[in-house]
Amino acid sequence: MQKFVVIFQAPVPVGHRVELTWYDIVDAGFFGGTNRKTRPHEPVVTDLDTGIVYLSDRVLDTPGMKSPDTPYGVSDAISKIATQVKSVRGIVRACRVVTIRSFAEIDLQTELTIEPQG
């Protein structure tokens, strides 16, 4: 069994087949410049039984800043500048979505315990 923690909601039911895929993405620096890095807690999580995909906006093309009270525009596909670096498939044996309260903000994370398969 392998346990993965992702820093967003991904409530995949126990017993479902799942695939987690990590990408290298380009981060722009505050003072210019860029660097390419993998975010270990932000894989794309695909429920292979339902087709539902859970992911962070970091691997999508976006317009930049989000405006209040309006939906955030995101691309339909993974960004062309993202490079796949790792993938894991298996059966979900446990899933727990945790709400984390800190000061005025609320964060969410999901713990997925997966039995790897081929």
C-alpha atoms as a PDB file:
ATOM      1  CA  MET A   1       0.000   0.000   0.000  1.00  0.00           C
ATOM      2  CA  GLN A   2       1.113   3.543  -0.693  1.00  0.00           C
ATOM      3  CA  LYS A   3      -0.296   6.677   0.922  1.00  0.00           C
ATOM      4  CA  PHE A   4      -0.459   9.930  -1.042  1.00  0.00           C
ATOM      5  CA  VAL A   5      -1.512  13.332   0.269  1.00  0.00           C
ATOM      6  CA  VAL A   6      -2.831  15.867  -2.223  1.00  0.00           C
ATOM      7  CA  ILE A   7      -3.549  19.477  -1.265  1.00  0.00           C
ATOM      8  CA  PHE A   8      -7.034  19.667  -2.756  1.00  0.00           C
ATOM      9  CA  GLN A   9     -10.289  17.699  -2.643  1.00  0.00           C
ATOM     10  CA  ALA A  10     -10.164  14.329  -4.396  1.00  0.00           C
ATOM     11  CA  PRO A  11     -12.844  12.148  -2.754  1.00  0.00           C
ATOM     12  CA  VAL A  12     -12.310   8.974  -4.769  1.00  0.00           C
ATOM     13  CA  PRO A  13     -14.473   6.154  -3.365  1.00  0.00           C
ATOM     14  CA  VAL A  14     -12.816   3.124  -1.797  1.00  0.00           C
ATOM     15  CA  GLY A  15     -12.560   0.277  -4.303  1.00  0.00           C
ATOM     16  CA  HIS A  16     -12.282   2.522  -7.367  1.00  0.00           C
ATOM     17  CA  ARG A  17      -9.386   2.294  -9.784  1.00  0.00           C
ATOM     18  CA  VAL A  18      -7.328   5.483  -9.770  1.00  0.00           C
ATOM     19  CA  GLU A  19      -4.357   7.016 -11.550  1.00  0.00           C
ATOM     20  CA  LEU A  20      -2.127   9.736 -10.074  1.00  0.00           C
ATOM     21  CA  THR A  21       0.064  11.616 -12.548  1.00  0.00           C
ATOM     22  CA  TRP A  22       2.735  14.161 -11.641  1.00  0.00           C
ATOM     23  CA  TYR A  23       3.984  16.888 -13.966  1.00  0.00           C
ATOM     24  CA  ASP A  24       6.966  19.222 -14.017  1.00  0.00           C
ATOM     25  CA  ILE A  25       5.645  22.747 -14.337  1.00  0.00           C
ATOM     26  CA  VAL A  26       7.301  26.104 -14.883  1.00  0.00           C
ATOM     27  CA  ASP A  27       7.165  28.549 -11.970  1.00  0.00           C
ATOM     28  CA  ALA A  28       7.781  32.181 -12.795  1.00  0.00           C
ATOM     29  CA  GLY A  29       9.873  34.050 -10.257  1.00  0.00           C
ATOM     30  CA  PHE A  30       8.937  37.396  -8.693  1.00  0.00           C
ATOM     31  CA  PHE A  31      12.009  39.030 -10.214  1.00  0.00           C
ATOM     32  CA  GLY A  32      11.822  37.350 -13.595  1.00  0.00           C
ATOM     33  CA  GLY A  33      13.327  34.041 -14.508  1.00  0.00           C
ATOM     34  CA  THR A  34      11.690  30.656 -14.304  1.00  0.00           C
ATOM     35  CA  ASN A  35      12.395  27.240 -12.925  1.00  0.00           C
ATOM     36  CA  ARG A  36      10.834  23.870 -13.650  1.00  0.00           C
ATOM     37  CA  LYS A  37       9.718  21.756 -10.697  1.00  0.00           C
ATOM     38  CA  THR A  38       7.446  18.915  -9.708  1.00  0.00           C
ATOM     39  CA  ARG A  39       4.914  19.617  -6.968  1.00  0.00           C
ATOM     40  CA  PRO A  40       4.786  16.353  -4.993  1.00  0.00           C
ATOM     41  CA  HIS A  41       1.360  17.056  -3.439  1.00  0.00           C
ATOM     42  CA  GLU A  42      -0.406  18.223  -6.614  1.00  0.00           C
ATOM     43  CA  PRO A  43      -0.720  15.244  -8.967  1.00  0.00           C
ATOM     44  CA  VAL A  44      -3.619  14.934 -11.370  1.00  0.00           C
ATOM     45  CA  VAL A  45      -5.959  12.367  -9.781  1.00  0.00           C
ATOM     46  CA  THR A  46      -8.159  10.451 -12.222  1.00  0.00           C
ATOM     47  CA  ASP A  47     -10.915   8.122 -11.022  1.00  0.00           C
ATOM     48  CA  LEU A  48     -10.700   5.490 -13.765  1.00  0.00           C
ATOM     49  CA  ASP A  49     -14.125   4.042 -12.897  1.00  0.00           C
ATOM     50  CA  THR A  50     -16.077   7.297 -13.227  1.00  0.00           C
ATOM     51  CA  GLY A  51     -13.776   9.416 -15.393  1.00  0.00           C
ATOM     52  CA  ILE A  52     -13.784  12.263 -12.847  1.00  0.00           C
ATOM     53  CA  VAL A  53     -10.493  14.193 -12.792  1.00  0.00           C
ATOM     54  CA  TYR A  54      -9.315  16.108  -9.717  1.00  0.00           C
ATOM     55  CA  LEU A  55      -6.467  18.570 -10.205  1.00  0.00           C
ATOM     56  CA  SER A  56      -4.823  21.841  -9.299  1.00  0.00           C
ATOM     57  CA  ASP A  57      -4.965  24.833 -11.631  1.00  0.00           C
ATOM     58  CA  ARG A  58      -1.147  24.789 -11.679  1.00  0.00           C
ATOM     59  CA  VAL A  59      -1.074  22.222 -14.512  1.00  0.00           C
ATOM     60  CA  LEU A  60      -3.628  24.111 -16.621  1.00  0.00           C
ATOM     61  CA  ASP A  61      -3.378  27.263 -18.689  1.00  0.00           C
ATOM     62  CA  THR A  62      -5.042  30.147 -16.818  1.00  0.00           C
ATOM     63  CA  PRO A  63      -5.593  33.858 -17.408  1.00  0.00           C
ATOM     64  CA  GLY A  64      -3.585  34.846 -14.320  1.00  0.00           C
ATOM     65  CA  MET A  65      -5.299  36.523 -11.389  1.00  0.00           C
ATOM     66  CA  LYS A  66      -8.751  35.421 -10.279  1.00  0.00           C
ATOM     67  CA  SER A  67     -11.417  38.103 -10.009  1.00  0.00           C
ATOM     68  CA  PRO A  68     -13.821  38.082  -7.063  1.00  0.00           C
ATOM     69  CA  ASP A  69     -17.268  36.545  -7.594  1.00  0.00           C
ATOM     70  CA  THR A  70     -16.472  35.163 -11.054  1.00  0.00           C
ATOM     71  CA  PRO A  71     -15.458  31.691 -12.240  1.00  0.00           C
ATOM     72  CA  TYR A  72     -11.766  31.213 -12.943  1.00  0.00           C
ATOM     73  CA  GLY A  73     -11.033  30.443 -16.580  1.00  0.00           C
ATOM     74  CA  VAL A  74      -8.927  27.319 -17.067  1.00  0.00           C
ATOM     75  CA  SER A  75      -7.925  25.301 -20.116  1.00  0.00           C
ATOM     76  CA  ASP A  76      -9.645  22.013 -20.944  1.00  0.00           C
ATOM     77  CA  ALA A  77      -6.342  20.145 -21.243  1.00  0.00           C
ATOM     78  CA  ILE A  78      -3.053  19.956 -19.362  1.00  0.00           C
ATOM     79  CA  SER A  79      -0.800  22.874 -20.289  1.00  0.00           C
ATOM     80  CA  LYS A  80       1.620  22.287 -23.156  1.00  0.00           C
ATOM     81  CA  ILE A  81       4.458  23.489 -20.911  1.00  0.00           C
ATOM     82  CA  ALA A  82       3.766  20.732 -18.340  1.00  0.00           C
ATOM     83  CA  THR A  83       5.855  17.569 -18.704  1.00  0.00           C
ATOM     84  CA  GLN A  84       4.693  14.237 -17.261  1.00  0.00           C
ATOM     85  CA  VAL A  85       7.295  12.784 -14.892  1.00  0.00           C
ATOM     86  CA  LYS A  86       5.585   9.982 -12.938  1.00  0.00           C
ATOM     87  CA  SER A  87       2.363   7.995 -12.831  1.00  0.00           C
ATOM     88  CA  VAL A  88       0.880   5.488 -10.358  1.00  0.00           C
ATOM     89  CA  ARG A  89      -2.197   3.297 -10.912  1.00  0.00           C
ATOM     90  CA  GLY A  90      -4.015   1.252  -8.347  1.00  0.00           C
ATOM     91  CA  ILE A  91      -7.101   0.575  -6.252  1.00  0.00           C
ATOM     92  CA  VAL A  92      -8.161   3.055  -3.553  1.00  0.00           C
ATOM     93  CA  ARG A  93      -8.187   1.223  -0.212  1.00  0.00           C
ATOM     94  CA  ALA A  94      -8.784   4.315   1.978  1.00  0.00           C
ATOM     95  CA  CYS A  95      -9.714   7.937   1.332  1.00  0.00           C
ATOM     96  CA  ARG A  96      -9.915  10.783   3.822  1.00  0.00           C
ATOM     97  CA  VAL A  97     -10.628  14.468   3.040  1.00  0.00           C
ATOM     98  CA  VAL A  98      -9.334  16.770   5.785  1.00  0.00           C
ATOM     99  CA  THR A  99     -10.330  20.402   6.404  1.00  0.00           C
ATOM    100  CA  ILE A 100      -7.502  22.428   7.919  1.00  0.00           C
ATOM    101  CA  ARG A 101      -8.402  25.658   9.700  1.00  0.00           C
ATOM    102  CA  SER A 102      -5.724  28.302  10.101  1.00  0.00           C
ATOM    103  CA  PHE A 103      -6.513  31.886  11.018  1.00  0.00           C
ATOM    104  CA  ALA A 104      -8.972  33.230   8.399  1.00  0.00           C
ATOM    105  CA  GLU A 105      -8.264  30.617   5.750  1.00  0.00           C
ATOM    106  CA  ILE A 106      -9.497  27.094   5.208  1.00  0.00           C
ATOM    107  CA  ASP A 107      -7.394  24.541   3.338  1.00  0.00           C
ATOM    108  CA  LEU A 108      -8.292  21.045   2.234  1.00  0.00           C
ATOM    109  CA  GLN A 109      -6.222  17.966   1.641  1.00  0.00           C
ATOM    110  CA  THR A 110      -6.995  14.412   0.638  1.00  0.00           C
ATOM    111  CA  GLU A 111      -5.220  11.301   1.853  1.00  0.00           C
ATOM    112  CA  LEU A 112      -5.432   8.415  -0.624  1.00  0.00           C
ATOM    113  CA  THR A 113      -4.173   4.963   0.313  1.00  0.00           C
ATOM    114  CA  ILE A 114      -3.644   3.008  -2.883  1.00  0.00           C
ATOM    115  CA  GLU A 115      -2.814  -0.601  -3.622  1.00  0.00           C
ATOM    116  CA  PRO A 116      -0.569  -0.225  -6.715  1.00  0.00           C
ATOM    117  CA  GLN A 117      -1.392  -2.259  -9.807  1.00  0.00           C
ATOM    118  CA  GLY A 118       0.695  -2.851 -12.917  1.00  0.00           C
END
